[in-house]
Amino acid sequence: MIITSMTESNTIVHETLIDLASSADRQAARAAYFNRVAASATLFALADDLRSMAKKVLDGEPESNAFDLLDRGRAHVATTALQFDRLTLAGGGEL
């Protein structure tokens, strides 16, 4: 894909941040299901940070901080998803 403008680049980063925020919300709900209150709160806060950064990117602020947040957020959400997948499998069922 060839990005033709800074606006298009910002839009792609914005959409990626919003998608990751939705994933963080889903994992936060799973954390609550497993009674992991601290993990749930951390994930909901991450989702809020991702949405705030998405707004800044859409408003034209520099993307470098957004990429740092995306990297940290992806790692956190993926690790959490794997942990809760393991708990789901150990419990023998779906959420």
N, C-alpha and C. Protein backbone atom coordinates (compact mmCIF):
# COMPACT_ATOMS: atom_id res chain seq x y z
N MET A 1 0.84 -1.16 0.00
CA MET A 1 0.00 0.00 0.00
C MET A 1 0.89 1.24 0.00
N ILE A 2 0.57 2.18 -0.85
CA ILE A 2 1.29 3.44 -0.90
C ILE A 2 0.42 4.50 -0.26
N ILE A 3 0.98 5.14 0.74
CA ILE A 3 0.24 6.19 1.44
C ILE A 3 0.48 7.49 0.69
N THR A 4 -0.60 8.15 0.32
CA THR A 4 -0.50 9.32 -0.55
C THR A 4 -0.43 10.64 0.18
N SER A 5 -0.80 10.66 1.42
CA SER A 5 -0.77 11.93 2.14
C SER A 5 -0.63 11.69 3.64
N MET A 6 -0.27 12.76 4.31
CA MET A 6 -0.16 12.67 5.77
C MET A 6 -1.53 12.42 6.39
N THR A 7 -2.57 12.97 5.79
CA THR A 7 -3.93 12.75 6.29
C THR A 7 -4.30 11.28 6.20
N GLU A 8 -3.95 10.64 5.09
CA GLU A 8 -4.24 9.22 4.94
C GLU A 8 -3.44 8.41 5.96
N SER A 9 -2.21 8.77 6.18
CA SER A 9 -1.37 8.09 7.17
C SER A 9 -1.99 8.23 8.56
N ASN A 10 -2.40 9.44 8.90
CA ASN A 10 -3.02 9.67 10.21
C ASN A 10 -4.30 8.86 10.36
N THR A 11 -5.07 8.75 9.28
CA THR A 11 -6.31 7.99 9.33
C THR A 11 -6.03 6.51 9.60
N ILE A 12 -5.02 5.97 8.97
CA ILE A 12 -4.66 4.56 9.19
C ILE A 12 -4.22 4.34 10.63
N VAL A 13 -3.38 5.23 11.14
CA VAL A 13 -2.92 5.10 12.54
C VAL A 13 -4.12 5.25 13.47
N HIS A 14 -5.00 6.20 13.19
CA HIS A 14 -6.20 6.41 14.01
C HIS A 14 -7.04 5.13 14.07
N GLU A 15 -7.30 4.53 12.92
CA GLU A 15 -8.12 3.32 12.87
C GLU A 15 -7.44 2.16 13.61
N THR A 16 -6.13 2.07 13.50
CA THR A 16 -5.40 1.01 14.20
C THR A 16 -5.49 1.20 15.71
N LEU A 17 -5.36 2.43 16.15
CA LEU A 17 -5.49 2.72 17.59
C LEU A 17 -6.89 2.37 18.10
N ILE A 18 -7.91 2.72 17.33
CA ILE A 18 -9.29 2.43 17.73
C ILE A 18 -9.53 0.92 17.77
N ASP A 19 -9.02 0.19 16.79
CA ASP A 19 -9.16 -1.27 16.79
C ASP A 19 -8.50 -1.89 18.01
N LEU A 20 -7.30 -1.42 18.34
CA LEU A 20 -6.61 -1.96 19.51
C LEU A 20 -7.34 -1.60 20.79
N ALA A 21 -7.93 -0.41 20.83
CA ALA A 21 -8.72 -0.02 22.01
C ALA A 21 -9.90 -0.97 22.20
N SER A 22 -10.54 -1.36 21.11
CA SER A 22 -11.65 -2.31 21.20
C SER A 22 -11.17 -3.67 21.71
N SER A 23 -10.01 -4.08 21.25
CA SER A 23 -9.43 -5.35 21.74
C SER A 23 -9.11 -5.25 23.23
N ALA A 24 -8.58 -4.12 23.64
CA ALA A 24 -8.28 -3.93 25.06
C ALA A 24 -9.56 -3.98 25.89
N ASP A 25 -10.63 -3.39 25.38
CA ASP A 25 -11.92 -3.45 26.08
C ASP A 25 -12.40 -4.90 26.23
N ARG A 26 -12.27 -5.69 25.15
CA ARG A 26 -12.70 -7.09 25.22
C ARG A 26 -11.88 -7.87 26.26
N GLN A 27 -10.58 -7.63 26.28
CA GLN A 27 -9.75 -8.33 27.25
C GLN A 27 -10.03 -7.85 28.67
N ALA A 28 -10.39 -6.58 28.82
CA ALA A 28 -10.76 -6.06 30.14
C ALA A 28 -12.02 -6.75 30.65
N ALA A 29 -12.95 -6.98 29.75
CA ALA A 29 -14.18 -7.69 30.13
C ALA A 29 -13.86 -9.13 30.52
N ARG A 30 -12.96 -9.76 29.78
CA ARG A 30 -12.54 -11.12 30.14
C ARG A 30 -11.86 -11.12 31.50
N ALA A 31 -11.04 -10.12 31.76
CA ALA A 31 -10.36 -10.03 33.06
C ALA A 31 -11.38 -9.93 34.18
N ALA A 32 -12.41 -9.13 33.96
CA ALA A 32 -13.46 -9.01 34.97
C ALA A 32 -14.17 -10.35 35.17
N TYR A 33 -14.41 -11.07 34.09
CA TYR A 33 -15.05 -12.39 34.17
C TYR A 33 -14.23 -13.33 35.07
N PHE A 34 -12.91 -13.24 34.95
CA PHE A 34 -12.04 -14.10 35.75
C PHE A 34 -11.69 -13.47 37.10
N ASN A 35 -12.40 -12.41 37.45
CA ASN A 35 -12.22 -11.72 38.72
C ASN A 35 -10.80 -11.17 38.89
N ARG A 36 -10.22 -10.70 37.80
CA ARG A 36 -8.90 -10.06 37.81
C ARG A 36 -9.13 -8.56 37.70
N VAL A 37 -9.49 -7.97 38.82
CA VAL A 37 -9.92 -6.57 38.85
C VAL A 37 -8.80 -5.63 38.42
N ALA A 38 -7.59 -5.83 38.93
CA ALA A 38 -6.48 -4.95 38.57
C ALA A 38 -6.18 -5.03 37.08
N ALA A 39 -6.18 -6.24 36.53
CA ALA A 39 -5.93 -6.41 35.10
C ALA A 39 -7.04 -5.74 34.28
N SER A 40 -8.27 -5.88 34.74
CA SER A 40 -9.39 -5.26 34.04
C SER A 40 -9.24 -3.74 34.03
N ALA A 41 -8.92 -3.18 35.17
CA ALA A 41 -8.76 -1.72 35.26
C ALA A 41 -7.62 -1.24 34.38
N THR A 42 -6.52 -1.97 34.37
CA THR A 42 -5.37 -1.60 33.54
C THR A 42 -5.74 -1.63 32.06
N LEU A 43 -6.47 -2.64 31.64
CA LEU A 43 -6.86 -2.76 30.24
C LEU A 43 -7.87 -1.69 29.84
N PHE A 44 -8.81 -1.37 30.72
CA PHE A 44 -9.75 -0.30 30.40
C PHE A 44 -9.01 1.04 30.31
N ALA A 45 -8.02 1.26 31.17
CA ALA A 45 -7.22 2.48 31.11
C ALA A 45 -6.41 2.53 29.81
N LEU A 46 -5.86 1.38 29.41
CA LEU A 46 -5.14 1.31 28.14
C LEU A 46 -6.06 1.67 26.98
N ALA A 47 -7.27 1.13 26.99
CA ALA A 47 -8.24 1.43 25.94
C ALA A 47 -8.53 2.93 25.89
N ASP A 48 -8.66 3.55 27.04
CA ASP A 48 -8.90 4.99 27.10
C ASP A 48 -7.71 5.76 26.55
N ASP A 49 -6.49 5.35 26.91
CA ASP A 49 -5.29 6.00 26.39
C ASP A 49 -5.20 5.86 24.87
N LEU A 50 -5.55 4.69 24.37
CA LEU A 50 -5.52 4.46 22.92
C LEU A 50 -6.52 5.36 22.20
N ARG A 51 -7.71 5.49 22.76
CA ARG A 51 -8.72 6.36 22.14
C ARG A 51 -8.30 7.84 22.21
N SER A 52 -7.70 8.23 23.31
CA SER A 52 -7.21 9.61 23.43
C SER A 52 -6.12 9.89 22.40
N MET A 53 -5.21 8.94 22.23
CA MET A 53 -4.15 9.10 21.25
C MET A 53 -4.73 9.11 19.84
N ALA A 54 -5.74 8.30 19.59
CA ALA A 54 -6.38 8.28 18.27
C ALA A 54 -6.95 9.65 17.93
N LYS A 55 -7.56 10.31 18.91
CA LYS A 55 -8.10 11.65 18.70
C LYS A 55 -6.98 12.63 18.38
N LYS A 56 -5.87 12.54 19.11
CA LYS A 56 -4.74 13.44 18.85
C LYS A 56 -4.17 13.23 17.45
N VAL A 57 -4.05 11.98 17.04
CA VAL A 57 -3.52 11.68 15.71
C VAL A 57 -4.45 12.23 14.64
N LEU A 58 -5.74 12.06 14.84
CA LEU A 58 -6.71 12.56 13.86
C LEU A 58 -6.66 14.09 13.78
N ASP A 59 -6.32 14.73 14.92
CA ASP A 59 -6.20 16.19 14.95
C ASP A 59 -4.86 16.67 14.40
N GLY A 60 -4.01 15.72 13.96
CA GLY A 60 -2.77 16.10 13.29
C GLY A 60 -1.54 16.16 14.16
N GLU A 61 -1.62 15.65 15.38
CA GLU A 61 -0.43 15.65 16.22
C GLU A 61 0.56 14.59 15.73
N PRO A 62 1.83 14.74 16.07
CA PRO A 62 2.85 13.78 15.62
C PRO A 62 2.51 12.34 16.01
N GLU A 63 2.87 11.41 15.14
CA GLU A 63 2.53 10.01 15.33
C GLU A 63 3.52 9.23 16.17
N SER A 64 4.70 9.76 16.42
CA SER A 64 5.74 8.96 17.08
C SER A 64 5.27 8.40 18.42
N ASN A 65 4.60 9.21 19.22
CA ASN A 65 4.07 8.72 20.49
C ASN A 65 2.99 7.68 20.27
N ALA A 66 2.25 7.84 19.19
CA ALA A 66 1.19 6.87 18.87
C ALA A 66 1.80 5.50 18.60
N PHE A 67 2.90 5.47 17.87
CA PHE A 67 3.53 4.19 17.56
C PHE A 67 4.09 3.53 18.82
N ASP A 68 4.62 4.32 19.73
CA ASP A 68 5.11 3.76 21.00
C ASP A 68 3.95 3.14 21.78
N LEU A 69 2.83 3.87 21.84
CA LEU A 69 1.65 3.37 22.55
C LEU A 69 1.10 2.12 21.86
N LEU A 70 1.08 2.12 20.53
CA LEU A 70 0.63 0.93 19.79
C LEU A 70 1.49 -0.28 20.10
N ASP A 71 2.80 -0.09 20.11
CA ASP A 71 3.70 -1.21 20.40
C ASP A 71 3.46 -1.78 21.80
N ARG A 72 3.41 -0.90 22.79
CA ARG A 72 3.17 -1.35 24.16
C ARG A 72 1.78 -1.96 24.30
N GLY A 73 0.80 -1.32 23.70
CA GLY A 73 -0.58 -1.80 23.79
C GLY A 73 -0.77 -3.16 23.16
N ARG A 74 -0.20 -3.36 21.97
CA ARG A 74 -0.31 -4.66 21.30
C ARG A 74 0.29 -5.77 22.15
N ALA A 75 1.45 -5.51 22.70
CA ALA A 75 2.10 -6.52 23.54
C ALA A 75 1.25 -6.85 24.76
N HIS A 76 0.71 -5.82 25.38
CA HIS A 76 -0.10 -6.04 26.59
C HIS A 76 -1.39 -6.79 26.28
N VAL A 77 -2.07 -6.37 25.23
CA VAL A 77 -3.34 -7.01 24.87
C VAL A 77 -3.10 -8.46 24.44
N ALA A 78 -2.07 -8.70 23.65
CA ALA A 78 -1.78 -10.07 23.19
C ALA A 78 -1.42 -10.98 24.35
N THR A 79 -0.58 -10.50 25.24
CA THR A 79 -0.18 -11.30 26.40
C THR A 79 -1.38 -11.62 27.28
N THR A 80 -2.22 -10.64 27.50
CA THR A 80 -3.41 -10.83 28.31
C THR A 80 -4.37 -11.82 27.65
N ALA A 81 -4.54 -11.69 26.34
CA ALA A 81 -5.44 -12.60 25.63
C ALA A 81 -4.95 -14.04 25.78
N LEU A 82 -3.67 -14.25 25.65
CA LEU A 82 -3.12 -15.60 25.80
C LEU A 82 -3.34 -16.15 27.21
N GLN A 83 -3.15 -15.30 28.21
CA GLN A 83 -3.37 -15.73 29.60
C GLN A 83 -4.82 -16.14 29.82
N PHE A 84 -5.75 -15.34 29.32
CA PHE A 84 -7.15 -15.65 29.52
C PHE A 84 -7.62 -16.80 28.64
N ASP A 85 -7.00 -16.98 27.49
CA ASP A 85 -7.28 -18.17 26.68
C ASP A 85 -6.89 -19.42 27.46
N ARG A 86 -5.73 -19.37 28.11
CA ARG A 86 -5.27 -20.51 28.91
C ARG A 86 -6.24 -20.79 30.06
N LEU A 87 -6.70 -19.74 30.72
CA LEU A 87 -7.67 -19.92 31.81
C LEU A 87 -8.98 -20.48 31.30
N THR A 88 -9.40 -20.03 30.12
CA THR A 88 -10.64 -20.54 29.52
C THR A 88 -10.52 -22.03 29.22
N LEU A 89 -9.40 -22.41 28.61
CA LEU A 89 -9.17 -23.81 28.28
C LEU A 89 -9.06 -24.67 29.54
N ALA A 90 -8.41 -24.15 30.56
CA ALA A 90 -8.25 -24.90 31.81
C ALA A 90 -9.59 -25.11 32.48
N GLY A 91 -10.50 -24.14 32.28
CA GLY A 91 -11.84 -24.27 32.86
C GLY A 91 -12.75 -25.12 32.01
N GLY A 92 -12.28 -25.47 30.83
CA GLY A 92 -13.06 -26.36 29.97
C GLY A 92 -14.22 -25.72 29.25
N GLY A 93 -14.20 -24.38 29.16
CA GLY A 93 -15.34 -23.77 28.49
C GLY A 93 -15.04 -22.44 27.89
N GLU A 94 -16.07 -21.88 27.32
CA GLU A 94 -16.00 -20.57 26.70
C GLU A 94 -16.51 -19.54 27.69
N LEU A 95 -16.18 -18.29 27.38
CA LEU A 95 -16.71 -17.19 28.20
C LEU A 95 -18.15 -16.95 27.84
